[in-house]
């Protein structure tokens, strides 16, 4: 398998191994921490959560990525990235200790959510630092390979961490035990980062860079420039629209699934069983994500990129109706696997479309917009779910809304992205699928392929 060959090639580099170890350990800890959050907020005997509680948790988990994302680059281009990796992991470990102390008092109010918000906000710096440091540990011609291998591996370890966290929760019957494991893992990641030299990951400053205040002041105008630029890049703009729609409807389905396991399939005295069953369903979704990373390169070699995206939305609509519409646990596991595959296949394709259809000088600003659309879509879905979903999560009307949403996205995207002239609108220089002529998605990779 090409993935294994590429990973083996990169692991021959000592400095890559050291940075890679920091990534895998950090993302393993992220998986453990997310399980602790879900368990405490959604599966504690003292609370019977509704969709509003899930919406609040999603907002705290995702908004730091949208709000802080555009600002992290400025600081990463001024401070030692090795020190950021060390400091960010240690800071997260301390913050998780604070979260643990709040959990011990049984408080799920503002202090808890504030501590979680700070922890996940620091995580934004960590992930950006790992990406920015990668060119310093591999050769230039190995970057595409490295950008394909590292996010997939990081996501795999995130899922493994979630599985381990779930086992610790079920065996120890304590959220504090899961949080304690998180502290240990984050501390280990900080120590692993110390194996890299202080200046090894950059930034390579020349003394002519603008100051931090000046650089920060240009961020808002940069986002506006990125949006204005997208108006001349039809395929990339439509890709961002597709990913926003995907996150919205997939997010609404996620809220429904959590409520089904928490309040429909199991009673208030079966929290451990509900938690374990939801962990299995989440693992099925994760398996679908991973399979999509392997199959999408093949899919975009046998059809154009826009066709692959369109058919994945069609497939998502079908599997949401059946088997998910049966509202049984086996149906949700199978449906979760299939929708996870469709969702990740669309994301990988849009990542490639945007990366190849946007000039490098605008790419950072466009991806900052991508971050905001991607995460705000999920938070908006959770907010809507809090309003329209019943507490047990079962609603044929909402399910029909999701099915129609996926189907409508397929139709609208297919029609608007169609290029009858054979050249992309607005001077993209792309083929009908949104890629440079002669290039397929299977030949492209990007750090964003497996974000969180």
Protein backbone atom coordinates (compact mmCIF):
# COMPACT_ATOMS: atom_id res chain seq x y z
CA UNK A 1 0.00 0.00 0.00
CA UNK A 2 1.29 3.41 -0.97
CA UNK A 3 0.47 4.90 2.44
CA UNK A 4 2.67 2.37 4.22
CA UNK A 5 5.53 2.90 1.76
CA UNK A 6 5.38 6.67 2.19
CA UNK A 7 5.28 6.40 5.97
CA UNK A 8 8.25 4.05 5.99
CA UNK A 9 10.23 6.44 3.79
CA UNK A 10 9.56 9.39 6.08
CA UNK A 11 10.28 7.47 9.28
CA UNK A 12 13.87 7.03 8.12
CA UNK A 13 14.35 10.72 8.95
CA UNK A 14 15.17 11.19 12.63
CA UNK A 15 13.78 14.72 12.93
CA UNK A 16 10.54 13.73 11.21
CA UNK A 17 10.18 10.83 13.67
CA UNK A 18 10.52 13.26 16.58
CA UNK A 19 7.95 15.72 15.26
CA UNK A 20 5.66 12.86 14.23
CA UNK A 21 5.81 11.44 17.76
CA UNK A 22 4.67 14.80 19.15
CA UNK A 23 1.73 14.86 16.73
CA UNK A 24 0.60 11.30 17.43
CA UNK A 25 0.88 11.71 21.20
CA UNK A 26 -0.91 15.07 21.19
CA UNK A 27 -3.77 13.82 19.03
CA UNK A 28 -4.07 10.65 21.10
CA UNK A 29 -4.53 12.94 24.11
CA UNK A 30 -7.12 14.97 22.20
CA UNK A 31 -9.16 11.81 21.67
CA UNK A 32 -9.01 10.95 25.37
CA UNK A 33 -10.00 14.50 26.34
CA UNK A 34 -12.98 14.58 23.96
CA UNK A 35 -14.28 11.37 25.54
CA UNK A 36 -13.97 12.93 28.99
CA UNK A 37 -15.96 15.97 27.86
CA UNK A 38 -18.71 13.91 26.22
CA UNK A 39 -18.94 11.60 29.22
CA UNK A 40 -19.20 14.40 31.79
CA UNK A 41 -21.61 16.63 29.88
CA UNK A 42 -23.80 13.99 28.24
CA UNK A 43 -23.54 10.79 30.31
CA UNK A 44 -23.46 11.88 33.94
CA UNK A 45 -26.23 10.57 36.21
CA UNK A 46 -26.89 14.10 37.51
CA UNK A 47 -27.76 15.43 34.05
CA UNK A 48 -30.34 14.48 31.44
CA UNK A 49 -28.96 16.46 28.51
CA UNK A 50 -31.05 17.78 25.66
CA UNK A 51 -29.99 19.14 22.27
CA UNK A 52 -29.20 22.52 23.85
CA UNK A 53 -26.49 20.93 26.02
CA UNK A 54 -24.97 19.29 22.95
CA UNK A 55 -25.10 22.59 21.07
CA UNK A 56 -23.21 24.27 23.89
CA UNK A 57 -20.58 21.54 23.90
CA UNK A 58 -20.11 21.80 20.13
CA UNK A 59 -19.80 25.57 20.34
CA UNK A 60 -17.10 25.34 22.99
CA UNK A 61 -15.28 22.59 21.08
CA UNK A 62 -15.30 24.18 17.62
CA UNK A 63 -15.50 27.96 17.86
CA UNK A 64 -11.88 28.35 19.04
CA UNK A 65 -10.80 26.94 15.68
CA UNK A 66 -12.89 29.53 13.84
CA UNK A 67 -12.07 32.53 16.01
CA UNK A 68 -8.38 31.85 16.68
CA UNK A 69 -7.47 30.20 13.38
CA UNK A 70 -6.67 33.37 11.42
CA UNK A 71 -4.53 34.74 14.27
CA UNK A 72 -2.35 31.73 15.00
CA UNK A 73 -0.24 32.11 11.88
CA UNK A 74 1.00 35.54 12.92
CA UNK A 75 2.30 34.28 16.25
CA UNK A 76 3.72 31.08 14.75
CA UNK A 77 5.73 33.26 12.38
CA UNK A 78 7.23 35.20 15.31
CA UNK A 79 7.84 32.67 18.11
CA UNK A 80 9.91 29.50 18.28
CA UNK A 81 7.61 26.75 17.05
CA UNK A 82 9.41 24.13 19.11
CA UNK A 83 8.71 26.21 22.20
CA UNK A 84 5.07 26.56 21.15
CA UNK A 85 4.77 22.76 20.99
CA UNK A 86 6.28 22.41 24.44
CA UNK A 87 4.37 25.29 26.00
CA UNK A 88 1.03 24.43 24.39
CA UNK A 89 1.09 20.84 25.64
CA UNK A 90 2.15 21.84 29.15
CA UNK A 91 -0.48 24.57 29.23
CA UNK A 92 -3.14 22.09 28.16
CA UNK A 93 -2.04 19.66 30.88
CA UNK A 94 -2.43 22.39 33.52
CA UNK A 95 -5.80 23.45 32.13
CA UNK A 96 -7.05 19.85 32.18
CA UNK A 97 -6.07 19.68 35.85
CA UNK A 98 -8.32 22.72 36.29
CA UNK A 99 -11.11 20.99 34.38
CA UNK A 100 -10.68 17.97 36.66
CA UNK A 101 -11.01 20.09 39.78
CA UNK A 102 -14.24 21.57 38.43
CA UNK A 103 -15.57 18.11 37.57
CA UNK A 104 -14.74 16.94 41.10
CA UNK A 105 -17.06 19.62 42.47
CA UNK A 106 -19.85 18.56 40.10
CA UNK A 107 -20.05 21.95 38.40
CA UNK A 108 -20.93 22.00 34.69
CA UNK A 109 -21.53 25.73 34.53
CA UNK A 110 -19.57 28.68 33.17
CA UNK A 111 -16.21 27.82 34.86
CA UNK A 112 -16.24 24.36 33.27
CA UNK A 113 -16.99 25.62 29.77
CA UNK A 114 -14.46 28.44 30.12
CA UNK A 115 -11.72 25.99 31.10
CA UNK A 116 -12.62 23.72 28.18
CA UNK A 117 -12.67 26.71 25.81
CA UNK A 118 -9.16 27.72 26.90
CA UNK A 119 -7.87 24.15 26.54
CA UNK A 120 -9.19 23.76 23.02
CA UNK A 121 -8.08 27.26 22.09
CA UNK A 122 -4.48 26.34 22.95
CA UNK A 123 -4.94 23.25 20.78
CA UNK A 124 -5.38 25.49 17.73
CA UNK A 125 -1.82 26.79 18.20
CA UNK A 126 -0.51 23.27 18.64
CA UNK A 127 -1.96 21.89 15.41
CA UNK A 128 -0.85 24.92 13.42
CA UNK A 129 2.64 24.65 14.89
CA UNK A 130 2.90 21.00 13.90
CA UNK A 131 1.97 21.90 10.33
CA UNK A 132 4.25 24.91 10.11
CA UNK A 133 7.22 22.94 11.41
CA UNK A 134 6.86 20.07 8.96
CA UNK A 135 8.91 21.65 6.10
CA UNK A 136 11.86 21.86 8.50
CA UNK A 137 12.08 18.09 9.03
CA UNK A 138 11.54 16.73 5.49
CA UNK A 139 12.90 17.60 2.08
CA UNK A 140 10.86 19.87 -0.17
CA UNK A 141 10.01 17.07 -2.59
CA UNK A 142 8.70 15.00 0.34
CA UNK A 143 6.18 17.57 1.57
CA UNK A 144 3.21 16.25 -0.38
CA UNK A 145 3.98 12.78 0.92
CA UNK A 146 4.33 14.06 4.48
CA UNK A 147 1.12 16.08 4.28
CA UNK A 148 -0.73 12.94 3.20
CA UNK A 149 0.71 10.68 5.89
CA UNK A 150 0.70 12.86 8.99
CA UNK A 151 -2.97 13.96 9.13
CA UNK A 152 -4.26 10.47 8.42
CA UNK A 153 -2.04 9.03 11.14
CA UNK A 154 -3.02 11.82 13.52
CA UNK A 155 -6.70 11.13 12.97
CA UNK A 156 -6.12 7.42 13.54
CA UNK A 157 -4.44 8.14 16.88
CA UNK A 158 -7.23 10.57 17.80
CA UNK A 159 -9.73 7.74 17.31
CA UNK A 160 -7.51 5.29 19.21
CA UNK A 161 -7.26 7.80 22.05
CA UNK A 162 -11.04 8.07 22.09
CA UNK A 163 -11.32 4.30 22.29
CA UNK A 164 -8.82 4.09 25.13
CA UNK A 165 -10.58 6.91 26.95
CA UNK A 166 -13.90 5.10 26.61
CA UNK A 167 -12.39 1.90 28.03
CA UNK A 168 -10.89 3.81 30.97
CA UNK A 169 -14.26 5.45 31.62
CA UNK A 170 -16.14 2.15 31.55
CA UNK A 171 -13.59 0.28 33.69
CA UNK A 172 -12.87 3.06 36.18
CA UNK A 173 -16.42 4.47 36.10
CA UNK A 174 -14.93 7.94 36.59
CA UNK A 175 -14.47 10.99 34.40
CA UNK A 176 -11.57 12.01 36.63
CA UNK A 177 -9.64 8.90 35.60
CA UNK A 178 -10.03 9.86 31.93
CA UNK A 179 -8.94 13.44 32.63
CA UNK A 180 -5.95 12.15 34.59
CA UNK A 181 -4.87 10.07 31.60
CA UNK A 182 -5.22 13.19 29.44
CA UNK A 183 -2.83 15.12 31.70
CA UNK A 184 -0.25 12.34 31.49
CA UNK A 185 -0.46 12.16 27.69
CA UNK A 186 -0.22 15.94 27.17
CA UNK A 187 2.80 16.10 29.50
CA UNK A 188 4.45 13.27 27.55
CA UNK A 189 3.88 15.18 24.29
CA UNK A 190 5.60 18.25 25.76
CA UNK A 191 8.60 16.18 26.81
CA UNK A 192 8.80 14.57 23.36
CA UNK A 193 8.93 18.03 21.77
CA UNK A 194 12.05 18.81 23.82
CA UNK A 195 13.95 16.28 21.70
CA UNK A 196 13.86 18.85 18.89
CA UNK A 197 16.26 21.80 18.95
CA UNK A 198 14.77 25.13 19.99
CA UNK A 199 15.28 26.68 16.54
CA UNK A 200 14.75 23.52 14.50
CA UNK A 201 11.16 24.20 13.43
CA UNK A 202 11.64 27.88 12.66
CA UNK A 203 10.50 30.50 12.02
CA UNK A 204 13.42 31.67 9.88
CA UNK A 205 13.28 35.41 10.57
CA UNK A 206 15.24 37.96 8.57
CA UNK A 207 14.49 41.03 10.67
CA UNK A 208 12.24 42.71 8.08
CA UNK A 209 8.97 41.20 9.30
CA UNK A 210 6.20 43.57 10.49
CA UNK A 211 5.54 43.65 14.22
CA UNK A 212 2.92 41.45 15.80
CA UNK A 213 0.45 44.33 16.30
CA UNK A 214 0.80 45.44 12.69
CA UNK A 215 0.46 41.88 11.42
CA UNK A 216 -2.64 41.23 13.54
CA UNK A 217 -4.27 44.41 12.24
CA UNK A 218 -4.10 43.10 8.68
CA UNK A 219 -5.97 39.85 9.39
CA UNK A 220 -9.48 41.23 8.91
CA UNK A 221 -8.57 42.89 5.64
CA UNK A 222 -6.86 39.66 4.59
CA UNK A 223 -10.06 37.68 5.09
CA UNK A 224 -11.97 40.23 3.03
CA UNK A 225 -9.34 39.97 0.29
CA UNK A 226 -9.68 36.18 0.38
CA UNK A 227 -13.46 36.39 -0.03
CA UNK A 228 -13.08 38.88 -2.88
CA UNK A 229 -10.56 36.60 -4.56
CA UNK A 230 -12.91 33.62 -4.29
CA UNK A 231 -15.48 35.52 -6.36
CA UNK A 232 -13.15 34.96 -9.33
CA UNK A 233 -12.56 31.28 -8.57
CA UNK A 234 -15.83 29.49 -9.23
CA UNK A 235 -14.78 25.93 -8.41
CA UNK A 236 -13.05 26.82 -5.14
CA UNK A 237 -15.98 28.99 -4.02
CA UNK A 238 -18.48 26.24 -4.78
CA UNK A 239 -16.26 23.81 -2.88
CA UNK A 240 -16.47 25.97 0.24
CA UNK A 241 -20.24 26.14 -0.19
CA UNK A 242 -20.40 22.35 -0.44
CA UNK A 243 -18.28 21.85 2.69
CA UNK A 244 -20.46 24.28 4.65
CA UNK A 245 -23.57 22.35 3.64
CA UNK A 246 -21.90 19.05 4.49
CA UNK A 247 -20.91 20.15 7.98
CA UNK A 248 -24.37 21.56 8.65
CA UNK A 249 -26.38 18.46 7.76
CA UNK A 250 -23.78 15.99 9.06
CA UNK A 251 -23.66 17.99 12.29
CA UNK A 252 -27.43 17.86 12.67
CA UNK A 253 -27.28 14.10 12.22
CA UNK A 254 -24.54 13.87 14.85
CA UNK A 255 -26.66 15.70 17.44
CA UNK A 256 -29.57 13.38 16.68
CA UNK A 257 -27.37 10.29 17.06
CA UNK A 258 -26.04 11.40 20.45
CA UNK A 259 -29.57 12.00 21.75
CA UNK A 260 -30.77 8.65 20.41
CA UNK A 261 -28.13 6.76 22.36
CA UNK A 262 -28.49 8.90 25.45
CA UNK A 263 -32.27 9.13 25.75
CA UNK A 264 -33.98 6.76 23.26
CA UNK A 265 -32.16 3.43 23.12
CA UNK A 266 -31.26 3.45 26.83
CA UNK A 267 -32.90 4.65 30.01
CA UNK A 268 -31.47 6.97 32.68
CA UNK A 269 -30.23 3.96 34.67
CA UNK A 270 -28.23 2.57 31.71
CA UNK A 271 -25.66 5.30 31.21
CA UNK A 272 -22.65 3.00 30.95
CA UNK A 273 -24.39 0.88 28.34
CA UNK A 274 -25.41 4.00 26.40
CA UNK A 275 -21.87 5.39 26.54
CA UNK A 276 -20.35 2.12 25.34
CA UNK A 277 -22.86 1.79 22.48
CA UNK A 278 -22.25 5.36 21.35
CA UNK A 279 -18.50 4.70 21.42
CA UNK A 280 -19.02 1.76 19.05
CA UNK A 281 -21.15 3.88 16.71
CA UNK A 282 -18.55 6.65 16.77
CA UNK A 283 -15.87 4.10 15.96
CA UNK A 284 -17.91 3.02 12.93
CA UNK A 285 -18.01 6.63 11.72
CA UNK A 286 -14.25 6.86 12.25
CA UNK A 287 -13.73 3.69 10.22
CA UNK A 288 -15.70 5.30 7.40
CA UNK A 289 -13.49 8.39 7.57
CA UNK A 290 -10.36 6.29 7.33
CA UNK A 291 -11.66 4.22 4.42
CA UNK A 292 -12.52 7.41 2.54
CA UNK A 293 -8.88 8.50 2.76
CA UNK A 294 -7.90 5.26 1.00
CA UNK A 295 -10.70 5.14 -1.60
CA UNK A 296 -11.01 8.81 -2.63
CA UNK A 297 -7.75 8.83 -4.68
CA UNK A 298 -9.17 5.93 -6.70
CA UNK A 299 -12.58 7.57 -7.02
CA UNK A 300 -11.13 10.76 -8.43
CA UNK A 301 -9.14 8.81 -10.97
CA UNK A 302 -12.21 7.13 -12.46
CA UNK A 303 -14.35 10.29 -12.52
CA UNK A 304 -13.87 14.04 -12.29
CA UNK A 305 -13.59 15.67 -8.89
CA UNK A 306 -16.95 17.46 -9.21
CA UNK A 307 -18.63 14.18 -10.15
CA UNK A 308 -17.12 12.41 -7.13
CA UNK A 309 -18.33 15.16 -4.78
CA UNK A 310 -21.81 15.09 -6.35
CA UNK A 311 -22.20 11.32 -6.07
CA UNK A 312 -20.99 11.33 -2.46
CA UNK A 313 -23.75 13.80 -1.57
CA UNK A 314 -26.27 11.59 -3.39
CA UNK A 315 -25.00 8.55 -1.47
CA UNK A 316 -25.20 10.47 1.83
CA UNK A 317 -28.85 11.26 1.12
CA UNK A 318 -29.64 7.61 0.37
CA UNK A 319 -27.94 6.10 3.43
CA UNK A 320 -29.46 8.75 5.70
CA UNK A 321 -32.90 7.58 4.59
CA UNK A 322 -32.02 3.89 4.77
CA UNK A 323 -30.58 2.41 6.94
CA UNK A 324 -30.42 5.33 9.40
CA UNK A 325 -34.17 5.96 9.05
CA UNK A 326 -34.85 2.53 10.56
CA UNK A 327 -33.80 3.95 13.95
CA UNK A 328 -32.21 0.76 15.24
CA UNK A 329 -28.73 0.44 16.70
CA UNK A 330 -27.36 -1.87 13.96
CA UNK A 331 -28.81 0.50 11.34
CA UNK A 332 -27.09 3.48 12.95
CA UNK A 333 -23.74 1.69 13.03
CA UNK A 334 -23.95 0.80 9.34
CA UNK A 335 -25.35 4.20 8.42
CA UNK A 336 -22.73 6.00 10.50
CA UNK A 337 -19.95 4.13 8.71
CA UNK A 338 -21.38 5.00 5.29
CA UNK A 339 -22.11 8.66 6.05
CA UNK A 340 -18.65 9.01 7.61
CA UNK A 341 -17.20 7.70 4.37
CA UNK A 342 -19.24 10.14 2.29
CA UNK A 343 -18.46 13.12 4.52
CA UNK A 344 -14.71 12.53 4.57
CA UNK A 345 -14.65 11.80 0.84
CA UNK A 346 -16.25 15.19 0.19
CA UNK A 347 -13.86 16.93 2.56
CA UNK A 348 -10.75 15.40 1.02
CA UNK A 349 -12.01 16.36 -2.42
CA UNK A 350 -12.81 19.94 -1.45
CA UNK A 351 -9.43 20.27 0.28
CA UNK A 352 -7.74 19.24 -2.96
CA UNK A 353 -10.00 21.44 -5.07
CA UNK A 354 -9.25 24.53 -2.99
CA UNK A 355 -5.54 23.80 -2.74
CA UNK A 356 -5.12 23.34 -6.48
CA UNK A 357 -7.59 26.02 -7.59
CA UNK A 358 -6.26 28.89 -5.47
CA UNK A 359 -3.04 30.79 -6.12
CA UNK A 360 -0.46 30.24 -3.41
CA UNK A 361 -0.37 33.92 -2.45
CA UNK A 362 -4.08 33.70 -1.47
CA UNK A 363 -4.15 30.15 -0.15
CA UNK A 364 -3.65 30.99 3.52
CA UNK A 365 -6.46 33.54 3.53
CA UNK A 366 -8.83 31.22 1.69
CA UNK A 367 -8.10 28.35 4.09
CA UNK A 368 -8.76 30.70 7.01
CA UNK A 369 -12.22 31.27 5.51
CA UNK A 370 -12.49 27.50 5.05
CA UNK A 371 -11.83 27.01 8.78
CA UNK A 372 -14.58 29.42 9.71
CA UNK A 373 -17.15 27.94 7.31
CA UNK A 374 -16.27 24.38 8.32
CA UNK A 375 -16.68 24.86 12.05
CA UNK A 376 -19.49 27.43 12.05
CA UNK A 377 -21.51 24.98 9.92
CA UNK A 378 -21.29 22.36 12.69
CA UNK A 379 -22.11 24.83 15.47
CA UNK A 380 -25.07 26.20 13.49
CA UNK A 381 -26.38 22.66 13.04
CA UNK A 382 -26.14 22.04 16.77
CA UNK A 383 -27.98 25.29 17.49
CA UNK A 384 -30.77 24.35 15.09
CA UNK A 385 -30.90 20.86 16.59
CA UNK A 386 -31.45 22.41 20.03
CA UNK A 387 -34.55 24.05 18.61
CA UNK A 388 -36.12 21.36 16.41
CA UNK A 389 -34.99 17.98 17.80
CA UNK A 390 -36.91 16.20 20.57
CA UNK A 391 -34.95 15.12 23.63
CA UNK A 392 -34.78 11.51 22.43
CA UNK A 393 -33.39 12.54 19.02
CA UNK A 394 -35.97 10.60 16.98
CA UNK A 395 -37.67 12.76 14.39
CA UNK A 396 -38.68 11.64 10.92
CA UNK A 397 -39.25 15.27 9.93
CA UNK A 398 -35.67 16.23 10.83
CA UNK A 399 -34.38 13.10 9.12
CA UNK A 400 -36.28 14.06 5.95
CA UNK A 401 -34.81 17.56 6.20
CA UNK A 402 -31.28 16.10 6.30
CA UNK A 403 -31.99 13.77 3.36
CA UNK A 404 -33.37 16.63 1.29
CA UNK A 405 -30.43 18.82 2.32
CA UNK A 406 -27.86 16.32 1.05
CA UNK A 407 -29.87 15.72 -2.14
CA UNK A 408 -30.36 19.43 -2.82
CA UNK A 409 -26.66 20.08 -2.29
CA UNK A 410 -25.85 17.38 -4.85
CA UNK A 411 -28.16 18.95 -7.44
CA UNK A 412 -27.13 22.56 -6.85
CA UNK A 413 -23.42 21.79 -6.71
CA UNK A 414 -23.56 19.63 -9.85
CA UNK A 415 -25.36 22.30 -11.86
CA UNK A 416 -23.36 25.29 -10.69
CA UNK A 417 -19.99 23.56 -11.01
CA UNK A 418 -20.71 22.27 -14.51
CA UNK A 419 -18.35 23.87 -17.02
CA UNK A 420 -19.84 23.63 -20.47
CA UNK A 421 -16.97 25.47 -22.12
CA UNK A 422 -14.36 23.03 -20.83
CA UNK A 423 -12.54 25.74 -18.89
CA UNK A 424 -13.32 26.90 -15.41
CA UNK A 425 -15.00 30.21 -14.93
CA UNK A 426 -13.02 33.14 -13.78
CA UNK A 427 -9.65 31.97 -15.03
CA UNK A 428 -9.18 29.05 -12.66
CA UNK A 429 -7.17 27.19 -15.25
CA UNK A 430 -8.83 23.99 -14.07
CA UNK A 431 -10.52 21.08 -15.73
CA UNK A 432 -14.23 20.43 -15.20
CA UNK A 433 -13.48 18.73 -11.92
CA UNK A 434 -11.72 21.71 -10.39
CA UNK A 435 -8.14 20.43 -10.75
CA UNK A 436 -5.29 21.67 -12.91
CA UNK A 437 -5.45 19.83 -16.19
CA UNK A 438 -3.78 16.46 -15.96
CA UNK A 439 -3.89 16.36 -12.16
CA UNK A 440 -6.16 14.17 -10.07
CA UNK A 441 -7.12 14.38 -6.42
CA UNK A 442 -5.25 11.15 -5.86
CA UNK A 443 -2.04 12.94 -6.77
CA UNK A 444 -2.60 15.76 -4.30
CA UNK A 445 -2.51 15.91 -0.52
CA UNK A 446 -2.78 18.58 2.10
CA UNK A 447 -2.45 19.01 5.83
CA UNK A 448 -6.12 19.80 6.02
CA UNK A 449 -7.18 16.36 4.76
CA UNK A 450 -7.70 15.01 8.29
CA UNK A 451 -8.32 17.98 10.55
CA UNK A 452 -9.74 16.94 13.95
